[in-house]
Amino acid sequence: MRLLPLFLLSTCAAFAQLTDGLATSVTRTVTLTADQADFSIVAGASLDTTQQQIAQIFSNAGVSGLSPSGTALSQGYDYSTNPPTVQTLVLYQFTFSVPAAGLKDAAKIMEAVRLKPPDLLKSFQYSAALDASQATVDAMRQTLLPQLFADAQKKAQTLAAAAGLKLGGVRGVSESFYASGYTGVSYINSSTFSTTGTVTSTSGATSGGSGTQYTFYANVTYSLAQ
């Protein structure tokens, strides 16, 4: 007998949620042209070296639009001595972007620094990948939003009709987007570690298609009527 009141209470709560509104979620995934190359730099230096000094190295090399993205500490090992010596380094992280067509030219600048690192630069690592620019993402968002809202309304009408209710007006809207995958995007990855003037490095590059998958999401809540 105790289960009956609980069941009735649960049924009433579900009915209240249904008549309070109907929330519908829809998504669309598209592949956007990768029209921008995003570079990430991690540069190590002695503890008395400032972020501005390291940034100036890349500015002098021809990099523009450099933005600090983080700072950390690490240990560098000099294996030219026996036993190896250890030096604590401060790692300054930077990012910058160039048009996709400028990927190779920007990589050449990075390689020039890699091959002849200034004395202040004790370690150096960079990577780059092609991606869709914010302008490209925003343009697609404006194109897809009306389509998403039409999808949401169609879905909501189907659900409301199945419940024997009428769909009312829009009560709330939320939307977002995120990168959900890559299709043959070009990348470059190279690293340099130097504590005694001797540079060792590895590098690689590949290219194929040039696209980034983005998923656009919309959540629309409608009022309901009997």
C-alpha atoms as a PDB file:
ATOM      1  CA  MET A   1       0.000   0.000   0.000  1.00  0.00           C
ATOM      2  CA  ARG A   2       2.936   2.342   0.560  1.00  0.00           C
ATOM      3  CA  LEU A   3       3.924   2.085  -3.116  1.00  0.00           C
ATOM      4  CA  LEU A   4       0.648   3.549  -4.401  1.00  0.00           C
ATOM      5  CA  PRO A   5       1.121   7.072  -2.914  1.00  0.00           C
ATOM      6  CA  LEU A   6       4.706   7.082  -4.199  1.00  0.00           C
ATOM      7  CA  PHE A   7       3.538   6.057  -7.676  1.00  0.00           C
ATOM      8  CA  LEU A   8       0.860   8.770  -7.724  1.00  0.00           C
ATOM      9  CA  LEU A   9       3.375  11.362  -6.550  1.00  0.00           C
ATOM     10  CA  SER A  10       5.839  10.312  -9.272  1.00  0.00           C
ATOM     11  CA  THR A  11       3.119  10.480 -11.932  1.00  0.00           C
ATOM     12  CA  CYS A  12       2.055  13.953 -10.841  1.00  0.00           C
ATOM     13  CA  ALA A  13       5.659  15.181 -10.910  1.00  0.00           C
ATOM     14  CA  ALA A  14       6.202  13.818 -14.424  1.00  0.00           C
ATOM     15  CA  PHE A  15       2.972  15.437 -15.629  1.00  0.00           C
ATOM     16  CA  ALA A  16       4.001  18.754 -14.064  1.00  0.00           C
ATOM     17  CA  GLN A  17       7.354  18.639 -15.890  1.00  0.00           C
ATOM     18  CA  LEU A  18       5.632  17.832 -19.190  1.00  0.00           C
ATOM     19  CA  THR A  19       3.071  20.630 -18.950  1.00  0.00           C
ATOM     20  CA  ASP A  20       5.730  23.060 -17.706  1.00  0.00           C
ATOM     21  CA  GLY A  21       7.545  22.883 -21.031  1.00  0.00           C
ATOM     22  CA  LEU A  22       9.232  20.659 -23.587  1.00  0.00           C
ATOM     23  CA  ALA A  23      13.031  20.870 -24.018  1.00  0.00           C
ATOM     24  CA  THR A  24      14.375  19.669 -27.369  1.00  0.00           C
ATOM     25  CA  SER A  25      18.047  19.189 -28.257  1.00  0.00           C
ATOM     26  CA  VAL A  26      19.380  19.058 -31.822  1.00  0.00           C
ATOM     27  CA  THR A  27      22.857  18.999 -33.382  1.00  0.00           C
ATOM     28  CA  ARG A  28      24.480  19.346 -36.785  1.00  0.00           C
ATOM     29  CA  THR A  29      28.074  18.405 -37.629  1.00  0.00           C
ATOM     30  CA  VAL A  30      29.914  20.016 -40.537  1.00  0.00           C
ATOM     31  CA  THR A  31      33.477  20.052 -41.864  1.00  0.00           C
ATOM     32  CA  LEU A  32      34.954  23.552 -42.085  1.00  0.00           C
ATOM     33  CA  THR A  33      37.872  24.570 -44.264  1.00  0.00           C
ATOM     34  CA  ALA A  34      41.119  24.773 -42.298  1.00  0.00           C
ATOM     35  CA  ASP A  35      42.115  28.318 -43.197  1.00  0.00           C
ATOM     36  CA  GLN A  36      44.386  29.122 -40.235  1.00  0.00           C
ATOM     37  CA  ALA A  37      47.621  27.685 -38.846  1.00  0.00           C
ATOM     38  CA  ASP A  38      47.829  27.715 -35.044  1.00  0.00           C
ATOM     39  CA  PHE A  39      51.336  27.571 -33.550  1.00  0.00           C
ATOM     40  CA  SER A  40      52.241  26.604 -29.978  1.00  0.00           C
ATOM     41  CA  ILE A  41      55.684  27.335 -28.520  1.00  0.00           C
ATOM     42  CA  VAL A  42      57.336  26.122 -25.319  1.00  0.00           C
ATOM     43  CA  ALA A  43      60.641  27.890 -24.645  1.00  0.00           C
ATOM     44  CA  GLY A  44      62.889  27.075 -21.676  1.00  0.00           C
ATOM     45  CA  ALA A  45      65.298  29.507 -20.037  1.00  0.00           C
ATOM     46  CA  SER A  46      67.202  30.005 -16.814  1.00  0.00           C
ATOM     47  CA  LEU A  47      65.216  31.203 -13.828  1.00  0.00           C
ATOM     48  CA  ASP A  48      66.496  34.771 -14.112  1.00  0.00           C
ATOM     49  CA  THR A  49      65.231  35.146 -17.695  1.00  0.00           C
ATOM     50  CA  THR A  50      61.983  37.069 -18.108  1.00  0.00           C
ATOM     51  CA  GLN A  51      59.035  36.245 -20.333  1.00  0.00           C
ATOM     52  CA  GLN A  52      59.594  39.522 -22.186  1.00  0.00           C
ATOM     53  CA  GLN A  53      63.157  38.544 -23.046  1.00  0.00           C
ATOM     54  CA  ILE A  54      62.041  35.243 -24.556  1.00  0.00           C
ATOM     55  CA  ALA A  55      59.160  36.876 -26.430  1.00  0.00           C
ATOM     56  CA  GLN A  56      61.623  39.351 -27.908  1.00  0.00           C
ATOM     57  CA  ILE A  57      63.630  36.470 -29.434  1.00  0.00           C
ATOM     58  CA  PHE A  58      60.652  35.404 -31.538  1.00  0.00           C
ATOM     59  CA  SER A  59      59.612  38.957 -32.288  1.00  0.00           C
ATOM     60  CA  ASN A  60      63.106  39.679 -33.641  1.00  0.00           C
ATOM     61  CA  ALA A  61      62.883  36.499 -35.729  1.00  0.00           C
ATOM     62  CA  GLY A  62      59.740  37.799 -37.442  1.00  0.00           C
ATOM     63  CA  VAL A  63      56.851  36.379 -35.413  1.00  0.00           C
ATOM     64  CA  SER A  64      53.931  38.753 -34.890  1.00  0.00           C
ATOM     65  CA  GLY A  65      50.839  38.364 -32.735  1.00  0.00           C
ATOM     66  CA  LEU A  66      52.623  36.298 -30.081  1.00  0.00           C
ATOM     67  CA  SER A  67      50.413  35.672 -27.030  1.00  0.00           C
ATOM     68  CA  PRO A  68      51.591  34.253 -23.653  1.00  0.00           C
ATOM     69  CA  SER A  69      49.637  31.115 -22.734  1.00  0.00           C
ATOM     70  CA  GLY A  70      51.339  29.746 -19.607  1.00  0.00           C
ATOM     71  CA  THR A  71      54.421  29.376 -17.408  1.00  0.00           C
ATOM     72  CA  ALA A  72      55.870  26.264 -15.767  1.00  0.00           C
ATOM     73  CA  LEU A  73      59.074  24.875 -14.275  1.00  0.00           C
ATOM     74  CA  SER A  74      61.081  21.906 -15.558  1.00  0.00           C
ATOM     75  CA  GLN A  75      64.526  20.350 -15.257  1.00  0.00           C
ATOM     76  CA  GLY A  76      67.073  20.273 -18.071  1.00  0.00           C
ATOM     77  CA  TYR A  77      69.873  17.704 -18.194  1.00  0.00           C
ATOM     78  CA  ASP A  78      73.346  18.267 -19.636  1.00  0.00           C
ATOM     79  CA  TYR A  79      74.723  14.851 -20.651  1.00  0.00           C
ATOM     80  CA  SER A  80      78.042  16.269 -21.889  1.00  0.00           C
ATOM     81  CA  THR A  81      79.337  16.042 -18.309  1.00  0.00           C
ATOM     82  CA  ASN A  82      79.817  12.960 -16.158  1.00  0.00           C
ATOM     83  CA  PRO A  83      77.756  12.753 -14.096  1.00  0.00           C
ATOM     84  CA  PRO A  84      75.103  14.784 -16.006  1.00  0.00           C
ATOM     85  CA  THR A  85      74.324  18.180 -14.526  1.00  0.00           C
ATOM     86  CA  VAL A  86      70.783  19.284 -13.805  1.00  0.00           C
ATOM     87  CA  GLN A  87      69.407  22.778 -14.346  1.00  0.00           C
ATOM     88  CA  THR A  88      65.965  24.001 -13.345  1.00  0.00           C
ATOM     89  CA  LEU A  89      64.348  25.869 -16.215  1.00  0.00           C
ATOM     90  CA  VAL A  90      61.342  28.157 -16.469  1.00  0.00           C
ATOM     91  CA  LEU A  91      59.154  27.232 -19.429  1.00  0.00           C
ATOM     92  CA  TYR A  92      57.344  30.071 -21.189  1.00  0.00           C
ATOM     93  CA  GLN A  93      54.455  29.055 -23.428  1.00  0.00           C
ATOM     94  CA  PHE A  94      53.230  31.162 -26.344  1.00  0.00           C
ATOM     95  CA  THR A  95      50.758  30.880 -29.200  1.00  0.00           C
ATOM     96  CA  PHE A  96      50.310  32.686 -32.484  1.00  0.00           C
ATOM     97  CA  SER A  97      48.311  32.159 -35.671  1.00  0.00           C
ATOM     98  CA  VAL A  98      48.870  32.831 -39.356  1.00  0.00           C
ATOM     99  CA  PRO A  99      46.740  32.216 -42.448  1.00  0.00           C
ATOM    100  CA  ALA A 100      46.923  28.615 -43.663  1.00  0.00           C
ATOM    101  CA  ALA A 101      48.993  29.673 -46.663  1.00  0.00           C
ATOM    102  CA  GLY A 102      51.624  31.031 -44.272  1.00  0.00           C
ATOM    103  CA  LEU A 103      52.200  27.733 -42.441  1.00  0.00           C
ATOM    104  CA  LYS A 104      55.465  26.904 -44.223  1.00  0.00           C
ATOM    105  CA  ASP A 105      56.889  30.430 -43.928  1.00  0.00           C
ATOM    106  CA  ALA A 106      56.144  30.554 -40.201  1.00  0.00           C
ATOM    107  CA  ALA A 107      57.702  27.099 -39.815  1.00  0.00           C
ATOM    108  CA  LYS A 108      60.860  28.374 -41.513  1.00  0.00           C
ATOM    109  CA  ILE A 109      61.096  31.103 -38.877  1.00  0.00           C
ATOM    110  CA  MET A 110      60.757  28.500 -36.142  1.00  0.00           C
ATOM    111  CA  GLU A 111      63.408  26.336 -37.779  1.00  0.00           C
ATOM    112  CA  ALA A 112      65.805  29.283 -38.013  1.00  0.00           C
ATOM    113  CA  VAL A 113      65.498  29.766 -34.250  1.00  0.00           C
ATOM    114  CA  ARG A 114      65.870  26.016 -33.729  1.00  0.00           C
ATOM    115  CA  LEU A 115      69.060  25.771 -35.759  1.00  0.00           C
ATOM    116  CA  LYS A 116      70.717  28.804 -34.133  1.00  0.00           C
ATOM    117  CA  PRO A 117      69.136  29.295 -30.708  1.00  0.00           C
ATOM    118  CA  PRO A 118      70.235  32.421 -28.797  1.00  0.00           C
ATOM    119  CA  ASP A 119      72.123  31.854 -25.557  1.00  0.00           C
ATOM    120  CA  LEU A 120      69.027  32.710 -23.520  1.00  0.00           C
ATOM    121  CA  LEU A 121      67.101  29.832 -25.085  1.00  0.00           C
ATOM    122  CA  LYS A 122      67.953  26.636 -23.193  1.00  0.00           C
ATOM    123  CA  SER A 123      65.169  24.484 -24.665  1.00  0.00           C
ATOM    124  CA  PHE A 124      62.679  24.990 -27.457  1.00  0.00           C
ATOM    125  CA  GLN A 125      59.703  23.057 -28.756  1.00  0.00           C
ATOM    126  CA  TYR A 126      56.968  24.078 -31.157  1.00  0.00           C
ATOM    127  CA  SER A 127      54.023  22.560 -32.973  1.00  0.00           C
ATOM    128  CA  ALA A 128      51.482  23.798 -35.488  1.00  0.00           C
ATOM    129  CA  ALA A 129      48.251  22.541 -37.016  1.00  0.00           C
ATOM    130  CA  LEU A 130      45.754  23.825 -39.531  1.00  0.00           C
ATOM    131  CA  ASP A 131      42.328  24.656 -38.155  1.00  0.00           C
ATOM    132  CA  ALA A 132      39.248  26.683 -39.011  1.00  0.00           C
ATOM    133  CA  SER A 133      39.552  30.339 -38.035  1.00  0.00           C
ATOM    134  CA  GLN A 134      37.092  31.953 -35.635  1.00  0.00           C
ATOM    135  CA  ALA A 135      35.635  33.986 -38.513  1.00  0.00           C
ATOM    136  CA  THR A 136      34.899  30.781 -40.448  1.00  0.00           C
ATOM    137  CA  VAL A 137      33.284  29.166 -37.398  1.00  0.00           C
ATOM    138  CA  ASP A 138      31.152  32.263 -36.706  1.00  0.00           C
ATOM    139  CA  ALA A 139      29.965  32.410 -40.324  1.00  0.00           C
ATOM    140  CA  MET A 140      28.887  28.761 -40.229  1.00  0.00           C
ATOM    141  CA  ARG A 141      27.161  29.325 -36.899  1.00  0.00           C
ATOM    142  CA  GLN A 142      25.025  32.084 -38.413  1.00  0.00           C
ATOM    143  CA  THR A 143      24.134  29.782 -41.307  1.00  0.00           C
ATOM    144  CA  LEU A 144      23.224  26.786 -39.145  1.00  0.00           C
ATOM    145  CA  LEU A 145      21.272  28.474 -36.338  1.00  0.00           C
ATOM    146  CA  PRO A 146      18.035  28.885 -38.376  1.00  0.00           C
ATOM    147  CA  GLN A 147      18.352  25.257 -39.504  1.00  0.00           C
ATOM    148  CA  LEU A 148      18.882  24.068 -35.929  1.00  0.00           C
ATOM    149  CA  PHE A 149      15.830  25.974 -34.698  1.00  0.00           C
ATOM    150  CA  ALA A 150      13.741  24.486 -37.536  1.00  0.00           C
ATOM    151  CA  ASP A 151      14.979  21.003 -36.573  1.00  0.00           C
ATOM    152  CA  ALA A 152      14.120  21.656 -32.923  1.00  0.00           C
ATOM    153  CA  GLN A 153      10.612  22.853 -33.737  1.00  0.00           C
ATOM    154  CA  LYS A 154       9.907  19.853 -35.964  1.00  0.00           C
ATOM    155  CA  LYS A 155      11.135  17.466 -33.297  1.00  0.00           C
ATOM    156  CA  ALA A 156       9.145  19.232 -30.564  1.00  0.00           C
ATOM    157  CA  GLN A 157       5.956  19.165 -32.633  1.00  0.00           C
ATOM    158  CA  THR A 158       6.318  15.416 -33.129  1.00  0.00           C
ATOM    159  CA  LEU A 159       6.843  14.820 -29.397  1.00  0.00           C
ATOM    160  CA  ALA A 160       3.969  17.102 -28.380  1.00  0.00           C
ATOM    161  CA  ALA A 161       1.575  15.436 -30.815  1.00  0.00           C
ATOM    162  CA  ALA A 162       2.570  12.013 -29.494  1.00  0.00           C
ATOM    163  CA  ALA A 163       1.675  13.207 -25.987  1.00  0.00           C
ATOM    164  CA  GLY A 164      -1.671  14.646 -27.154  1.00  0.00           C
ATOM    165  CA  LEU A 165      -0.572  18.220 -26.460  1.00  0.00           C
ATOM    166  CA  LYS A 166      -0.212  21.393 -28.475  1.00  0.00           C
ATOM    167  CA  LEU A 167       3.133  23.094 -28.957  1.00  0.00           C
ATOM    168  CA  GLY A 168       3.300  26.661 -27.703  1.00  0.00           C
ATOM    169  CA  GLY A 169       5.847  29.433 -28.027  1.00  0.00           C
ATOM    170  CA  VAL A 170       9.566  29.368 -27.286  1.00  0.00           C
ATOM    171  CA  ARG A 171      10.389  29.739 -23.599  1.00  0.00           C
ATOM    172  CA  GLY A 172      14.175  29.432 -23.694  1.00  0.00           C
ATOM    173  CA  VAL A 173      17.101  28.886 -26.046  1.00  0.00           C
ATOM    174  CA  SER A 174      20.739  27.846 -25.530  1.00  0.00           C
ATOM    175  CA  GLU A 175      23.316  26.998 -28.183  1.00  0.00           C
ATOM    176  CA  SER A 176      27.000  26.135 -28.428  1.00  0.00           C
ATOM    177  CA  PHE A 177      29.595  24.531 -30.702  1.00  0.00           C
ATOM    178  CA  TYR A 178      32.824  22.571 -30.364  1.00  0.00           C
ATOM    179  CA  ALA A 179      35.516  21.016 -32.560  1.00  0.00           C
ATOM    180  CA  SER A 180      34.633  17.349 -32.804  1.00  0.00           C
ATOM    181  CA  GLY A 181      37.265  15.941 -35.155  1.00  0.00           C
ATOM    182  CA  TYR A 182      39.840  16.498 -37.874  1.00  0.00           C
ATOM    183  CA  THR A 183      40.121  15.246 -41.444  1.00  0.00           C
ATOM    184  CA  GLY A 184      43.662  15.082 -42.770  1.00  0.00           C
ATOM    185  CA  VAL A 185      44.783  18.332 -41.180  1.00  0.00           C
ATOM    186  CA  SER A 186      48.422  19.291 -41.782  1.00  0.00           C
ATOM    187  CA  TYR A 187      50.745  19.561 -38.817  1.00  0.00           C
ATOM    188  CA  ILE A 188      54.363  20.305 -37.984  1.00  0.00           C
ATOM    189  CA  ASN A 189      56.135  19.250 -34.819  1.00  0.00           C
ATOM    190  CA  SER A 190      59.742  20.045 -33.953  1.00  0.00           C
ATOM    191  CA  SER A 191      61.766  20.253 -30.762  1.00  0.00           C
ATOM    192  CA  THR A 192      65.150  21.513 -29.662  1.00  0.00           C
ATOM    193  CA  PHE A 193      66.946  21.015 -26.377  1.00  0.00           C
ATOM    194  CA  SER A 194      70.197  22.916 -25.816  1.00  0.00           C
ATOM    195  CA  THR A 195      72.065  23.491 -22.584  1.00  0.00           C
ATOM    196  CA  THR A 196      75.670  23.519 -23.801  1.00  0.00           C
ATOM    197  CA  GLY A 197      75.401  24.863 -27.331  1.00  0.00           C
ATOM    198  CA  THR A 198      74.802  21.415 -28.848  1.00  0.00           C
ATOM    199  CA  VAL A 199      71.398  21.149 -30.467  1.00  0.00           C
ATOM    200  CA  THR A 200      69.539  17.898 -31.027  1.00  0.00           C
ATOM    201  CA  SER A 201      66.147  17.807 -32.649  1.00  0.00           C
ATOM    202  CA  THR A 202      63.454  15.745 -34.287  1.00  0.00           C
ATOM    203  CA  SER A 203      60.837  17.019 -36.671  1.00  0.00           C
ATOM    204  CA  GLY A 204      58.051  15.730 -38.847  1.00  0.00           C
ATOM    205  CA  ALA A 205      55.288  17.004 -41.089  1.00  0.00           C
ATOM    206  CA  THR A 206      52.363  15.587 -42.956  1.00  0.00           C
ATOM    207  CA  SER A 207      49.543  16.938 -45.033  1.00  0.00           C
ATOM    208  CA  GLY A 208      46.379  15.609 -46.577  1.00  0.00           C
ATOM    209  CA  GLY A 209      42.919  17.106 -46.619  1.00  0.00           C
ATOM    210  CA  SER A 210      42.325  20.315 -44.774  1.00  0.00           C
ATOM    211  CA  GLY A 211      39.215  20.300 -42.650  1.00  0.00           C
ATOM    212  CA  THR A 212      38.011  20.473 -39.072  1.00  0.00           C
ATOM    213  CA  GLN A 213      34.709  18.952 -37.974  1.00  0.00           C
ATOM    214  CA  TYR A 214      32.564  21.162 -35.767  1.00  0.00           C
ATOM    215  CA  THR A 215      29.370  20.147 -34.022  1.00  0.00           C
ATOM    216  CA  PHE A 216      26.783  22.878 -33.476  1.00  0.00           C
ATOM    217  CA  TYR A 217      24.233  22.320 -30.717  1.00  0.00           C
ATOM    218  CA  ALA A 218      20.919  23.983 -29.834  1.00  0.00           C
ATOM    219  CA  ASN A 219      18.528  23.384 -26.939  1.00  0.00           C
ATOM    220  CA  VAL A 220      15.089  24.974 -27.354  1.00  0.00           C
ATOM    221  CA  THR A 221      12.336  24.845 -24.717  1.00  0.00           C
ATOM    222  CA  TYR A 222       8.703  25.275 -25.773  1.00  0.00           C
ATOM    223  CA  SER A 223       5.563  25.830 -23.755  1.00  0.00           C
ATOM    224  CA  LEU A 224       2.781  23.225 -23.987  1.00  0.00           C
ATOM    225  CA  ALA A 225      -0.985  23.385 -23.862  1.00  0.00           C
ATOM    226  CA  GLN A 226      -3.787  20.822 -23.614  1.00  0.00           C
END
